[in-house]
Amino acid sequence: MHALVVSLLVVVSIAIIALVLLQPGKSSGLSGAISGGAEQLFGKQKARGMEAILHKLTIVFAVLFFILTIAVAYFNV
């Protein structure tokens, strides 16, 4: 069981890395950092299309990552 959980953890970790790298950057430079925070705070631009799908998949895989990490710690004891 431990080997299965560790294998799933490795697959989920690689998937998270790929998902984060596929997501486009918000803005570049200092002005982008300031305006990007304001847009996120006030919800001026909502993610649509592929960005929204990547964002949701990242959340799902992050939750899976935490669950599998706890499972590995539990089975390791």
Protein backbone atom coordinates (compact mmCIF):
# COMPACT_ATOMS: atom_id res chain seq x y z
CA MET A 1 0.00 0.00 0.00
CA HIS A 2 2.86 2.35 0.85
CA ALA A 3 4.45 1.88 -2.57
CA LEU A 4 1.16 2.67 -4.32
CA VAL A 5 0.66 5.88 -2.35
CA VAL A 6 4.26 6.99 -2.95
CA SER A 7 3.89 6.28 -6.68
CA LEU A 8 0.69 8.32 -6.83
CA LEU A 9 2.41 11.12 -4.91
CA VAL A 10 5.22 11.24 -7.49
CA VAL A 11 2.72 11.34 -10.38
CA VAL A 12 0.67 14.09 -8.72
CA SER A 13 3.85 16.08 -7.97
CA ILE A 14 4.93 15.95 -11.61
CA ALA A 15 1.41 16.94 -12.69
CA ILE A 16 1.44 19.98 -10.38
CA ILE A 17 4.79 21.08 -11.76
CA ALA A 18 3.51 20.75 -15.33
CA LEU A 19 0.28 22.61 -14.55
CA VAL A 20 2.09 25.50 -12.92
CA LEU A 21 4.53 25.79 -15.80
CA LEU A 22 1.69 25.77 -18.35
CA GLN A 23 -0.08 28.70 -16.73
CA PRO A 24 0.66 32.09 -18.25
CA GLY A 25 2.20 34.86 -16.17
CA LYS A 26 -0.06 37.67 -15.02
CA SER A 27 2.19 40.59 -15.91
CA SER A 28 5.83 41.45 -16.01
CA GLY A 29 7.75 44.21 -14.31
CA LEU A 30 7.01 46.27 -11.24
CA SER A 31 3.95 47.97 -12.68
CA GLY A 32 2.50 44.59 -13.54
CA ALA A 33 2.99 43.42 -9.97
CA ILE A 34 1.12 46.44 -8.60
CA SER A 35 -1.75 46.37 -11.09
CA GLY A 36 -1.97 42.59 -11.00
CA GLY A 37 -2.67 42.66 -7.27
CA ALA A 38 -5.35 45.30 -7.72
CA GLU A 39 -7.03 43.32 -10.48
CA GLN A 40 -7.04 40.21 -8.38
CA LEU A 41 -8.40 42.08 -5.37
CA PHE A 42 -11.24 43.80 -7.20
CA GLY A 43 -11.93 40.97 -9.65
CA LYS A 44 -11.55 43.12 -12.77
CA GLN A 45 -10.40 40.28 -14.96
CA LYS A 46 -11.70 36.80 -14.50
CA ALA A 47 -9.85 33.84 -15.95
CA ARG A 48 -11.60 32.28 -18.92
CA GLY A 49 -11.05 29.30 -21.10
CA MET A 50 -7.85 27.36 -20.70
CA GLU A 51 -6.60 29.55 -17.83
CA ALA A 52 -9.66 28.69 -15.75
CA ILE A 53 -9.28 24.98 -16.45
CA LEU A 54 -5.59 25.04 -15.53
CA HIS A 55 -6.36 26.96 -12.34
CA LYS A 56 -9.05 24.46 -11.27
CA LEU A 57 -6.84 21.48 -12.11
CA THR A 58 -4.02 22.99 -10.06
CA ILE A 59 -6.33 23.27 -7.05
CA VAL A 60 -7.52 19.67 -7.45
CA PHE A 61 -3.98 18.31 -7.76
CA ALA A 62 -2.81 20.42 -4.80
CA VAL A 63 -5.53 18.92 -2.61
CA LEU A 64 -4.58 15.44 -3.84
CA PHE A 65 -0.95 16.22 -3.06
CA PHE A 66 -1.76 17.14 0.54
CA ILE A 67 -3.95 14.08 1.04
CA LEU A 68 -1.33 11.75 -0.40
CA THR A 69 1.42 13.37 1.68
CA ILE A 70 -0.58 12.75 4.84
CA ALA A 71 -1.24 9.17 3.70
CA VAL A 72 2.49 8.56 3.13
CA ALA A 73 3.26 9.90 6.61
CA TYR A 74 0.53 7.70 8.10
CA PHE A 75 1.69 4.52 6.34
CA ASN A 76 5.33 5.24 7.10
CA VAL A 77 4.77 5.00 10.87
